[in-house]
Protein backbone atom coordinates (compact mmCIF):
# COMPACT_ATOMS: atom_id res chain seq x y z
CA MET A 1 -136.88 -21.93 166.65
CA ASN A 2 -135.81 -20.10 169.77
CA VAL A 3 -138.10 -18.02 171.75
CA LEU A 4 -136.08 -14.57 171.05
CA GLY A 5 -136.64 -15.36 167.38
CA ILE A 6 -140.55 -15.66 167.89
CA ILE A 7 -140.44 -12.28 169.95
CA ALA A 8 -138.05 -10.54 167.11
CA SER A 9 -140.61 -11.60 164.48
CA GLY A 10 -143.26 -10.51 166.36
CA VAL A 11 -142.10 -7.03 167.00
CA ALA A 12 -140.89 -6.79 163.39
CA ALA A 13 -144.54 -7.56 162.42
CA LEU A 14 -146.12 -5.01 164.90
CA PHE A 15 -143.92 -2.25 163.86
CA VAL A 16 -144.12 -2.70 159.80
CA THR A 17 -147.93 -3.25 160.18
CA VAL A 18 -148.42 -0.22 162.18
CA ALA A 19 -145.96 2.01 160.06
CA LEU A 20 -147.89 1.00 156.79
CA ALA A 21 -151.52 1.33 158.35
CA LYS A 22 -150.72 4.79 159.10
CA GLY A 23 -149.26 5.71 155.91
CA ALA A 24 -152.63 4.41 154.09
CA ARG A 25 -154.45 6.11 156.52
CA ARG A 26 -152.77 9.49 156.05
CA ALA A 27 -153.17 8.96 152.37
CA ALA A 28 -156.87 7.94 152.30
CA LEU A 29 -157.62 11.13 154.63
CA ARG A 30 -155.52 13.20 152.23
CA PRO A 31 -158.15 15.62 150.29
CA HIS A 32 -158.88 14.55 146.52
CA ALA A 33 -160.67 15.52 143.92
CA PRO A 34 -164.18 14.01 144.15
CA ASP A 35 -165.62 11.99 141.12
CA GLU A 36 -169.17 12.52 142.32
CA PRO A 37 -170.43 15.99 143.26
CA GLY A 38 -170.50 16.05 146.99
CA GLY A 39 -169.05 12.85 147.31
CA ARG A 40 -165.59 11.47 148.32
CA ALA A 41 -163.02 10.46 146.07
CA SER A 42 -162.72 7.03 145.15
CA ARG A 43 -159.07 6.81 145.36
CA ALA A 44 -159.75 7.42 149.15
CA ALA A 45 -162.73 4.48 149.57
CA VAL A 46 -160.05 2.09 147.61
CA LEU A 47 -157.52 2.97 149.99
CA ARG A 48 -159.64 2.40 153.03
CA ARG A 49 -160.96 -0.73 151.38
CA THR A 50 -157.31 -2.20 150.92
CA GLY A 51 -156.13 -1.57 154.08
CA GLY A 52 -155.54 -5.15 154.87
CA ALA A 53 -152.80 -5.18 152.59
CA THR A 54 -150.72 -3.48 155.55
CA VAL A 55 -151.34 -6.65 157.61
CA VAL A 56 -150.35 -9.06 154.78
CA LEU A 57 -147.12 -7.16 153.89
CA GLY A 58 -146.31 -6.85 157.67
CA VAL A 59 -146.84 -10.38 158.73
CA GLY A 60 -145.20 -11.73 155.26
CA THR A 61 -142.28 -9.51 155.84
CA ALA A 62 -141.80 -10.46 159.18
CA ALA A 63 -142.36 -14.13 158.64
CA GLY A 64 -140.49 -13.97 155.57
CA GLY A 65 -137.27 -12.72 156.74
CA ALA A 66 -137.28 -15.10 159.97
CA LEU A 67 -137.58 -17.73 157.43
CA TRP A 68 -134.69 -16.63 155.33
CA LEU A 69 -132.55 -16.33 158.48
CA GLY A 70 -133.12 -19.90 159.00
CA ALA A 71 -135.36 -19.48 161.93
CA ALA A 72 -137.97 -22.41 161.06
CA ASP A 73 -134.97 -24.99 161.04
CA GLY A 74 -136.28 -28.37 159.59
CA SER A 75 -139.76 -27.12 158.91
CA ALA A 76 -138.84 -24.73 156.30
CA GLY A 77 -140.57 -26.25 153.59
CA SER A 78 -143.92 -26.05 155.73
CA VAL A 79 -143.81 -22.55 156.72
CA ALA A 80 -142.54 -21.71 153.11
CA GLY A 81 -145.71 -23.46 151.55
CA LEU A 82 -147.89 -21.62 154.55
CA LEU A 83 -146.65 -18.73 153.66
CA ALA A 84 -146.83 -18.92 149.67
CA GLY A 85 -150.54 -20.19 150.33
CA ALA A 86 -151.57 -17.13 152.25
CA GLY A 87 -149.68 -14.85 149.76
CA ILE A 88 -151.72 -16.22 146.91
CA VAL A 89 -155.16 -15.75 148.69
CA ALA A 90 -154.36 -12.42 149.70
CA ALA A 91 -153.27 -11.35 145.99
CA LEU A 92 -156.61 -12.73 144.86
CA GLY A 93 -158.46 -10.89 147.68
CA LEU A 94 -156.39 -7.50 146.46
CA VAL A 95 -157.85 -8.17 143.08
CA HIS A 96 -161.25 -8.49 144.31
CA ASP A 97 -160.97 -5.14 146.47
CA LEU A 98 -159.91 -3.52 143.21
CA LYS A 99 -162.46 -5.12 140.84
CA PRO A 100 -165.22 -7.48 142.73
CA PHE A 101 -165.82 -10.71 140.92
CA ARG A 102 -168.03 -13.42 141.97
CA ALA A 103 -167.17 -15.45 144.80
CA ALA A 104 -167.27 -18.58 143.16
CA LEU A 105 -164.37 -17.69 141.21
CA ARG A 106 -162.21 -17.88 144.69
CA LEU A 107 -162.60 -21.40 145.35
CA PRO A 108 -160.41 -22.92 142.75
CA VAL A 109 -157.46 -20.52 143.85
CA GLN A 110 -158.07 -21.15 147.32
CA THR A 111 -157.93 -24.99 146.90
CA ALA A 112 -154.82 -24.50 144.91
CA ALA A 113 -153.22 -22.71 147.70
CA ALA A 114 -154.36 -25.32 150.10
CA VAL A 115 -152.78 -27.92 147.90
CA LEU A 116 -149.76 -26.14 147.63
CA VAL A 117 -149.61 -26.26 151.69
CA VAL A 118 -150.34 -29.60 151.98
CA CYS A 119 -147.99 -30.83 149.45
CA LEU A 120 -144.88 -28.96 150.84
CA ALA A 121 -146.09 -30.26 154.53
CA GLY A 122 -145.80 -33.60 153.37
CA LEU A 123 -149.09 -35.07 154.70
CA SER A 124 -150.82 -38.41 153.42
CA PRO A 125 -153.23 -38.41 150.90
CA ALA A 126 -155.90 -39.20 152.95
CA ALA A 127 -155.00 -36.35 155.76
CA GLY A 128 -154.25 -34.10 152.86
CA VAL A 129 -157.77 -34.42 151.43
CA LEU A 130 -159.39 -33.26 154.72
CA ALA A 131 -156.67 -30.52 155.49
CA VAL A 132 -157.44 -29.09 152.01
CA LEU A 133 -161.47 -29.27 152.49
CA TRP A 134 -160.83 -27.49 155.89
CA ILE A 135 -158.48 -24.81 154.94
CA VAL A 136 -161.04 -23.65 152.15
CA LEU A 137 -164.22 -23.83 154.53
CA VAL A 138 -162.60 -21.97 157.53
CA THR A 139 -160.91 -19.46 155.13
CA ASN A 140 -164.18 -18.35 153.92
CA ALA A 141 -165.75 -18.70 157.31
CA PHE A 142 -163.39 -16.36 158.77
CA ALA A 143 -163.46 -13.73 155.63
CA LEU A 144 -167.60 -13.62 156.48
CA LEU A 145 -166.57 -12.20 159.81
CA ASP A 146 -165.48 -8.92 158.13
CA HIS A 147 -169.00 -7.11 158.20
CA ALA A 148 -168.29 -4.96 161.15
CA ASP A 149 -165.37 -2.78 162.38
CA GLY A 150 -163.02 -4.62 164.21
CA LEU A 151 -164.74 -7.81 164.25
CA LEU A 152 -162.70 -10.25 162.23
CA THR A 153 -159.48 -8.36 163.52
CA THR A 154 -160.53 -9.30 167.13
CA VAL A 155 -161.91 -13.03 166.39
CA GLY A 156 -158.61 -13.46 164.46
CA LEU A 157 -156.38 -12.01 167.08
CA VAL A 158 -157.82 -14.43 169.84
CA THR A 159 -157.71 -17.20 167.65
CA ALA A 160 -154.23 -16.83 166.71
CA ALA A 161 -152.95 -16.52 170.19
CA GLY A 162 -154.60 -19.65 170.69
CA LEU A 163 -152.79 -21.62 168.05
CA LEU A 164 -149.50 -19.96 168.90
CA ALA A 165 -150.02 -21.53 172.49
CA CYS A 166 -150.85 -24.98 170.93
CA ALA A 167 -147.88 -24.56 168.67
CA ALA A 168 -145.56 -23.67 171.35
CA LEU A 169 -146.95 -26.86 173.23
CA GLY A 170 -146.73 -29.18 170.16
CA GLY A 171 -143.80 -31.05 168.52
CA ASP A 172 -142.82 -28.60 166.02
CA PRO A 173 -141.87 -25.13 167.42
CA ALA A 174 -141.36 -23.70 164.13
CA LEU A 175 -144.94 -23.62 163.47
CA THR A 176 -145.15 -20.70 165.97
CA LEU A 177 -143.75 -18.29 163.60
CA LEU A 178 -146.77 -17.39 161.52
CA PRO A 179 -149.40 -17.26 164.51
CA ALA A 180 -146.99 -15.24 166.51
CA THR A 181 -146.26 -12.75 163.48
CA LEU A 182 -150.24 -12.77 163.04
CA VAL A 183 -150.72 -11.77 166.53
CA ALA A 184 -148.72 -9.01 166.28
CA GLY A 185 -149.92 -7.64 162.64
CA LEU A 186 -153.53 -7.84 163.61
CA THR A 187 -152.79 -5.72 167.15
CA GLY A 188 -151.43 -2.96 165.03
CA PHE A 189 -153.95 -3.23 162.76
CA LEU A 190 -156.56 -3.31 165.12
CA LEU A 191 -155.74 0.74 166.27
CA HIS A 192 -156.91 1.75 162.79
CA ASN A 193 -159.71 -0.90 162.42
CA TRP A 194 -161.37 -0.35 165.85
CA HIS A 195 -165.01 1.67 165.42
CA PRO A 196 -165.08 4.15 163.57
CA ALA A 197 -162.71 1.88 161.42
CA ARG A 198 -160.51 4.13 159.09
CA LEU A 199 -158.86 1.21 157.46
CA ARG A 200 -160.61 -2.29 156.77
CA LEU A 201 -159.17 -5.59 156.37
CA GLY A 202 -161.14 -5.91 152.76
CA ALA A 203 -160.88 -9.22 150.67
CA SER A 204 -157.20 -9.27 150.66
CA GLY A 205 -156.88 -8.95 154.79
CA ALA A 206 -159.62 -11.01 155.77
CA GLN A 207 -158.80 -13.90 153.20
CA PHE A 208 -155.09 -13.90 154.16
CA THR A 209 -156.01 -14.01 157.96
CA GLY A 210 -158.34 -17.07 157.32
CA PHE A 211 -156.28 -18.90 155.11
CA ALA A 212 -153.17 -18.50 157.85
CA LEU A 213 -155.53 -19.65 160.86
CA ALA A 214 -156.90 -22.52 159.01
CA ALA A 215 -153.52 -23.79 157.30
CA SER A 216 -151.66 -22.98 160.69
CA GLY A 217 -154.26 -25.33 162.59
CA ALA A 218 -154.11 -27.92 160.04
CA LEU A 219 -150.36 -28.22 160.23
CA ILE A 220 -150.07 -28.05 163.93
CA GLN A 221 -152.72 -31.06 164.18
CA ALA A 222 -150.45 -33.08 161.93
CA ALA A 223 -147.13 -32.20 163.57
CA ALA A 224 -148.79 -32.60 167.00
CA PRO A 225 -147.58 -35.73 169.22
CA SER A 226 -149.91 -38.80 169.33
CA GLY A 227 -151.12 -38.55 172.98
CA ARG A 228 -152.39 -35.11 172.74
CA ALA A 229 -156.23 -34.83 171.45
CA ALA A 230 -155.41 -32.34 168.75
CA TRP A 231 -157.78 -33.83 166.38
CA ALA A 232 -160.52 -32.58 168.48
CA ALA A 233 -158.93 -29.65 170.25
CA LEU A 234 -157.87 -27.52 167.02
CA PRO A 235 -161.25 -27.25 165.29
CA VAL A 236 -162.83 -25.90 168.18
CA LEU A 237 -160.96 -22.73 167.75
CA ALA A 238 -162.81 -21.89 164.63
CA THR A 239 -166.21 -22.17 166.27
CA VAL A 240 -167.24 -18.62 166.08
CA ALA A 241 -166.51 -18.38 162.31
CA LEU A 242 -168.38 -21.51 161.80
CA ALA A 243 -171.28 -20.37 163.94
CA ASP A 244 -171.66 -17.25 161.73
CA THR A 245 -171.54 -19.22 158.61
CA ALA A 246 -174.46 -21.48 159.91
CA LEU A 247 -176.34 -18.63 160.76
CA VAL A 248 -176.02 -17.15 157.71
CA LEU A 249 -177.17 -20.20 155.59
CA ILE A 250 -179.84 -21.23 157.81
CA SER A 251 -181.57 -17.89 157.51
CA ARG A 252 -181.09 -17.40 153.93
CA ARG A 253 -182.61 -20.97 153.27
CA ARG A 254 -185.38 -20.14 155.41
CA ALA A 255 -186.09 -17.09 153.84
CA ALA A 256 -185.66 -18.70 150.34
CA ARG A 257 -182.84 -15.93 149.35
CA SER A 258 -179.57 -16.77 147.36
CA LEU A 259 -176.88 -18.04 149.62
CA LEU A 260 -174.13 -16.23 147.88
CA ARG A 261 -175.63 -12.83 147.99
CA ASP A 262 -174.32 -10.94 151.08
CA THR A 263 -177.16 -9.27 153.19
CA ASP A 264 -177.22 -8.03 156.69
CA ASP A 265 -178.06 -11.22 158.21
CA HIS A 266 -174.84 -11.94 160.17
CA ILE A 267 -174.21 -12.27 164.07
CA ALA A 268 -173.14 -8.46 164.40
CA HIS A 269 -176.19 -7.30 162.41
CA ARG A 270 -178.53 -9.04 164.57
CA LEU A 271 -176.92 -7.74 167.70
CA ARG A 272 -177.45 -4.17 166.34
CA ARG A 273 -181.06 -4.66 166.02
CA VAL A 274 -181.10 -5.60 169.80
CA ARG A 275 -179.37 -2.35 170.42
CA VAL A 276 -175.57 -3.54 170.65
CA THR A 277 -173.02 -0.98 169.48
CA VAL A 278 -170.52 -1.83 166.98
CA PRO A 279 -167.54 -1.92 169.55
CA GLY A 280 -170.00 -3.96 171.91
CA ALA A 281 -170.40 -6.60 169.12
CA ALA A 282 -166.40 -6.99 168.59
CA VAL A 283 -166.21 -7.49 172.14
CA LEU A 284 -169.05 -10.19 172.69
CA LEU A 285 -167.56 -11.96 169.51
CA GLY A 286 -164.56 -11.53 171.08
CA LEU A 287 -165.33 -13.04 174.26
CA TRP A 288 -167.39 -15.81 172.59
CA ALA A 289 -164.22 -16.78 170.63
CA ALA A 290 -161.73 -16.75 173.78
CA VAL A 291 -164.02 -19.42 175.55
CA PRO A 292 -163.61 -22.15 172.90
CA VAL A 293 -160.08 -21.07 172.56
CA THR A 294 -159.31 -21.19 175.80
CA THR A 295 -160.92 -24.72 176.21
CA ALA A 296 -159.02 -26.11 173.55
CA THR A 297 -155.81 -25.00 174.50
CA LEU A 298 -156.14 -26.67 178.06
CA VAL A 299 -157.43 -29.82 176.36
CA TYR A 300 -154.49 -29.83 174.09
CA ALA A 301 -152.20 -29.22 177.14
CA GLU A 302 -153.85 -32.14 178.51
CA LEU A 303 -155.31 -30.03 181.65
CA LEU A 304 -158.75 -30.71 180.78
CA HIS A 305 -160.70 -33.99 179.77
CA PRO A 306 -161.41 -33.84 176.10
CA ALA A 307 -165.01 -34.32 176.98
CA PHE A 308 -164.92 -30.28 177.66
CA LEU A 309 -164.85 -29.82 174.08
CA LEU A 310 -168.38 -30.38 173.63
CA LEU A 311 -169.17 -27.41 175.60
CA PRO A 312 -168.26 -24.55 173.25
CA PRO A 313 -169.90 -26.20 170.23
CA ALA A 314 -173.36 -26.89 172.22
CA GLY A 315 -173.26 -23.24 173.51
CA SER A 316 -172.63 -21.86 170.01
CA VAL A 317 -175.50 -24.08 168.84
CA ALA A 318 -177.96 -22.68 171.49
CA ALA A 319 -176.64 -19.37 170.35
CA VAL A 320 -177.50 -19.79 166.78
CA PHE A 321 -180.75 -20.75 167.35
CA ALA A 322 -181.32 -17.65 169.70
CA LEU A 323 -180.15 -15.46 166.88
CA LEU A 324 -182.24 -17.03 164.65
CA ARG A 325 -185.38 -15.67 166.39
CA ILE A 326 -184.05 -11.79 165.58
CA PRO A 327 -185.69 -10.74 162.41
CA ALA A 328 -182.86 -10.24 159.71
CA TYR A 329 -184.99 -9.36 156.64
CA SER A 330 -187.87 -6.69 156.37
CA PRO A 331 -191.12 -7.85 155.26
CA PRO A 332 -191.87 -7.25 151.55
CA ARG A 333 -194.07 -4.29 150.40
CA THR A 334 -197.37 -5.61 149.33
CA ALA A 335 -199.10 -3.33 146.46
CA PRO A 336 -202.46 -2.23 147.00
CA SER A 337 -205.04 -4.47 145.03
CA ARG A 338 -207.27 -3.07 142.29
CA THR A 339 -210.50 -3.64 143.81
CA ALA A 340 -209.52 -1.65 147.13
CA SER A 341 -207.93 1.23 144.96
CA ARG A 342 -211.23 1.35 142.82
CA ARG A 343 -213.24 1.46 145.85
CA THR A 344 -211.34 4.38 147.53
CA THR A 345 -211.19 6.12 144.47
CA ALA A 346 -214.55 5.79 143.02
CA PRO A 347 -216.47 9.28 142.98
CA THR A 348 -219.26 9.38 145.51
CA THR A 349 -222.19 10.13 143.15
CA GLY A 350 -224.71 8.11 145.47
CA ALA A 351 -224.32 10.61 148.65
CA ALA A 352 -227.37 10.73 150.65
CA ILE A 353 -229.71 13.60 149.98
CA PRO A 354 -231.67 14.64 153.09
CA SER A 355 -235.52 13.70 152.34
CA ALA A 356 -237.86 16.62 151.58
CA ALA A 357 -240.17 14.80 154.25
CA SER A 358 -237.75 15.78 156.99
CA ALA A 359 -237.87 19.50 156.34
CA PRO A 360 -239.97 21.50 158.73
CA GLY A 361 -243.72 21.92 156.89
CA ALA A 362 -242.94 19.58 154.12
CA THR A 363 -245.19 17.05 152.86
CA GLY A 364 -244.70 13.78 151.31
CA PRO A 365 -243.95 12.51 147.86
CA ALA A 366 -246.84 13.35 145.04
CA PRO A 367 -248.12 10.17 144.28
CA GLY A 368 -246.09 8.49 141.40
CA LYS A 369 -243.02 10.98 141.66
CA GLY A 370 -241.17 9.39 144.75
CA GLY A 371 -238.39 7.32 144.26
CA PRO A 372 -238.06 3.84 145.73
CA SER A 373 -236.36 5.42 148.73
CA GLY A 374 -239.30 7.91 149.11
CA THR A 375 -237.17 11.00 148.42
CA ALA A 376 -239.39 13.68 146.58
CA ARG A 377 -238.66 14.01 142.79
CA THR A 378 -239.22 16.75 140.41
CA ALA A 379 -241.33 16.13 136.74
CA ALA A 380 -237.73 15.42 135.55
CA GLY A 381 -236.99 13.06 138.03
CA HIS A 382 -234.37 14.83 139.94
CA PRO A 383 -234.31 14.87 143.59
CA THR A 384 -235.81 17.77 145.34
CA VAL A 385 -233.69 19.67 147.87
CA PRO A 386 -235.06 20.80 151.13
CA PRO A 387 -235.51 24.52 151.68
CA PRO A 388 -233.17 25.86 154.60
CA PRO A 389 -234.67 25.93 157.98
CA THR A 390 -236.22 29.16 159.17
CA GLY A 391 -236.44 28.44 162.91
CA ARG A 392 -240.16 28.68 162.85
CA SER A 393 -242.36 25.97 163.48
CA ALA A 394 -245.64 25.64 161.11
CA ALA A 395 -248.00 26.78 163.79
CA GLY A 396 -246.16 30.09 164.33
CA VAL A 397 -246.27 30.55 160.22
CA ALA A 398 -250.05 29.81 160.43
CA ALA A 399 -250.82 32.22 163.12
CA GLU A 400 -248.92 34.89 161.35
CA ARG A 401 -251.20 34.44 158.18
CA SER A 402 -254.10 34.73 160.06
């Protein structure tokens, strides 16, 4: 595949994605009759959530057109299998966007799509099994990054650019078709997905992006020359997605929470708790992804020693442990105990009553009439109430009487 064909496919993917995203945005912002009083229309919410379908259609149309024109040469089977598998996963995600279902039901379909890619690529059984496991893992890892505006789009764009460079340096230039169109499609979609996002990738666009990146990396690694360190370089490109997945699993395991229930415990959520803005989180993760992508590309091009590949994973492990120190879950509310509530609500029947002996001119209790505390009591046994103070002493009263 020549350079002009790659450029033409990328330009086509960019224009198609931008046109479709602009139309979907106008349809989502068009006023509709709300289903609930004071709420937005459900149709607008569905259009925003399914905005990733524009990326799928833009990338798929451009790559499929180039494949139909014979741009893939001898690797038409591999590229066609890659597109077919990504399309199957995207269709599954679209169904989930329209009517959500359990995440465990996605795994069989993702595995079948990965097997289709491996079979059409002609990999050996051992390499095929590893490739299937890798594709399913990385697809779900990238899909989990779609929890903030522009986050997955930015990280996917940086990762696709690294795959494009590795494919251009590898032994099969036809494998640059999907990374090139994916770079263009994500760039066009980022215009509408940046904070505040008017459109979201949703399950359809997120799984399509993750599957395309994972399958492209597996095929580029399989077609790489034997002298290159592709077995160690290409997996480093998914460092950020795998770090986010590891952070989520560790934190939920520590808190004894369900591993499949999505909560606000991802990287961007923790960065928000330390006063990082939503665009700032997307920029930080894009820069984080650029470090392993650049390192892996330079190692793949034999410009750096493979030992440098240990630096990005080591830094990511340190970052995960640092992010674990940021609280992600609110403490559980403790109900007040019954004994404490009884103590606070019990009537104050034993209130202290001033002693009659403390009043001016009062005498002590009569013999046999005083209580155990020395309080004067009446014949009925009730405590006496001291007379109000008059402001005159006993001596002054006696002087007046005489």
